Amino acid sequence: MLSQGEAGSLFDSVETCRQIALSAMGTRCGEARLYLMSVQTRQEGWEIDFGYSLNGVPVLNEGGAPPASW
């Protein structure tokens, strides 16, 4: 989780996490596209969840969990 006091603005935090997720996926994602699923305020800071879609269809982990969460 990102600390609100350390992370700066919400936009900057989401963009930073998006860049990390894209870097981690690298060329393995092929035609898949990353998208923001949710941002939730937690006691420790923000929880930022990303999903990805393939040909417009969301791809979820078993149980519907987001593929990437910070």
C-alpha atoms as a PDB file:
ATOM      1  CA  MET A   1       0.000   0.000   0.000  1.00  0.00           C
ATOM      2  CA  LEU A   2       1.108   3.558  -0.628  1.00  0.00           C
ATOM      3  CA  SER A   3       1.210   5.998   2.252  1.00  0.00           C
ATOM      4  CA  GLN A   4      -0.857   9.090   1.481  1.00  0.00           C
ATOM      5  CA  GLY A   5       1.692  11.366   3.153  1.00  0.00           C
ATOM      6  CA  GLU A   6       4.593   9.920   1.158  1.00  0.00           C
ATOM      7  CA  ALA A   7       2.909   9.191  -2.151  1.00  0.00           C
ATOM      8  CA  GLY A   8       1.901  12.694  -3.156  1.00  0.00           C
ATOM      9  CA  SER A   9      -1.274  13.253  -5.100  1.00  0.00           C
ATOM     10  CA  LEU A  10      -3.610  10.419  -5.995  1.00  0.00           C
ATOM     11  CA  PHE A  11      -3.030  10.957  -9.708  1.00  0.00           C
ATOM     12  CA  ASP A  12       0.747  10.721  -9.311  1.00  0.00           C
ATOM     13  CA  SER A  13       0.399   7.586  -7.199  1.00  0.00           C
ATOM     14  CA  VAL A  14      -1.880   5.880  -9.715  1.00  0.00           C
ATOM     15  CA  GLU A  15       0.416   6.828 -12.600  1.00  0.00           C
ATOM     16  CA  THR A  16       3.493   5.555 -10.745  1.00  0.00           C
ATOM     17  CA  CYS A  17       1.779   2.224 -10.032  1.00  0.00           C
ATOM     18  CA  ARG A  18       0.621   1.988 -13.649  1.00  0.00           C
ATOM     19  CA  GLN A  19       4.191   2.447 -14.864  1.00  0.00           C
ATOM     20  CA  ILE A  20       5.433  -0.229 -12.448  1.00  0.00           C
ATOM     21  CA  ALA A  21       2.742  -2.647 -13.607  1.00  0.00           C
ATOM     22  CA  LEU A  22       3.552  -1.994 -17.272  1.00  0.00           C
ATOM     23  CA  SER A  23       7.258  -2.529 -16.596  1.00  0.00           C
ATOM     24  CA  ALA A  24       6.542  -5.796 -14.781  1.00  0.00           C
ATOM     25  CA  MET A  25       4.330  -7.048 -17.609  1.00  0.00           C
ATOM     26  CA  GLY A  26       6.851  -6.050 -20.261  1.00  0.00           C
ATOM     27  CA  THR A  27       6.349  -7.742 -23.605  1.00  0.00           C
ATOM     28  CA  ARG A  28       4.543 -10.691 -21.994  1.00  0.00           C
ATOM     29  CA  CYS A  29       1.186  -8.944 -22.147  1.00  0.00           C
ATOM     30  CA  GLY A  30       0.953  -8.989 -25.956  1.00  0.00           C
ATOM     31  CA  GLU A  31      -2.326  -7.368 -26.976  1.00  0.00           C
ATOM     32  CA  ALA A  32      -3.605  -7.086 -23.389  1.00  0.00           C
ATOM     33  CA  ARG A  33      -4.366  -3.590 -22.071  1.00  0.00           C
ATOM     34  CA  LEU A  34      -3.912  -2.405 -18.499  1.00  0.00           C
ATOM     35  CA  TYR A  35      -6.739  -0.437 -16.853  1.00  0.00           C
ATOM     36  CA  LEU A  36      -7.467   1.052 -13.432  1.00  0.00           C
ATOM     37  CA  MET A  37      -9.994  -1.089 -11.541  1.00  0.00           C
ATOM     38  CA  SER A  38     -10.263   0.779  -8.250  1.00  0.00           C
ATOM     39  CA  VAL A  39      -8.641   3.014  -5.663  1.00  0.00           C
ATOM     40  CA  GLN A  40      -9.592   2.487  -2.039  1.00  0.00           C
ATOM     41  CA  THR A  41      -8.581   4.504   0.998  1.00  0.00           C
ATOM     42  CA  ARG A  42      -7.125   2.315   3.731  1.00  0.00           C
ATOM     43  CA  GLN A  43      -5.735   3.241   7.134  1.00  0.00           C
ATOM     44  CA  GLU A  44      -2.214   2.749   5.750  1.00  0.00           C
ATOM     45  CA  GLY A  45      -2.828   4.749   2.555  1.00  0.00           C
ATOM     46  CA  TRP A  46      -4.333   3.970  -0.858  1.00  0.00           C
ATOM     47  CA  GLU A  47      -4.846   0.521  -2.330  1.00  0.00           C
ATOM     48  CA  ILE A  48      -4.639   0.779  -6.123  1.00  0.00           C
ATOM     49  CA  ASP A  49      -5.891  -2.145  -8.225  1.00  0.00           C
ATOM     50  CA  PHE A  50      -5.287  -2.671 -11.920  1.00  0.00           C
ATOM     51  CA  GLY A  51      -6.795  -5.171 -14.279  1.00  0.00           C
ATOM     52  CA  TYR A  52      -6.100  -6.032 -17.838  1.00  0.00           C
ATOM     53  CA  SER A  53      -8.261  -6.919 -20.761  1.00  0.00           C
ATOM     54  CA  LEU A  54      -7.661  -8.959 -23.855  1.00  0.00           C
ATOM     55  CA  ASN A  55      -9.753  -8.070 -26.899  1.00  0.00           C
ATOM     56  CA  GLY A  56     -12.003  -6.024 -24.610  1.00  0.00           C
ATOM     57  CA  VAL A  57     -12.667  -8.906 -22.203  1.00  0.00           C
ATOM     58  CA  PRO A  58     -11.437  -8.460 -18.605  1.00  0.00           C
ATOM     59  CA  VAL A  59      -8.930 -11.091 -17.481  1.00  0.00           C
ATOM     60  CA  LEU A  60      -9.282 -11.969 -13.787  1.00  0.00           C
ATOM     61  CA  ASN A  61      -7.408 -14.228 -11.436  1.00  0.00           C
ATOM     62  CA  GLU A  62      -9.158 -17.174  -9.861  1.00  0.00           C
ATOM     63  CA  GLY A  63     -11.782 -15.842  -7.471  1.00  0.00           C
ATOM     64  CA  GLY A  64     -12.036 -12.524  -9.334  1.00  0.00           C
ATOM     65  CA  ALA A  65      -9.015 -10.924  -7.678  1.00  0.00           C
ATOM     66  CA  PRO A  66      -7.302  -8.096  -9.568  1.00  0.00           C
ATOM     67  CA  PRO A  67      -4.134  -9.107 -11.439  1.00  0.00           C
ATOM     68  CA  ALA A  68      -2.135  -6.241  -9.901  1.00  0.00           C
ATOM     69  CA  SER A  69      -2.597  -4.451  -6.591  1.00  0.00           C
ATOM     70  CA  TRP A  70      -0.479  -1.869  -4.780  1.00  0.00           C
END
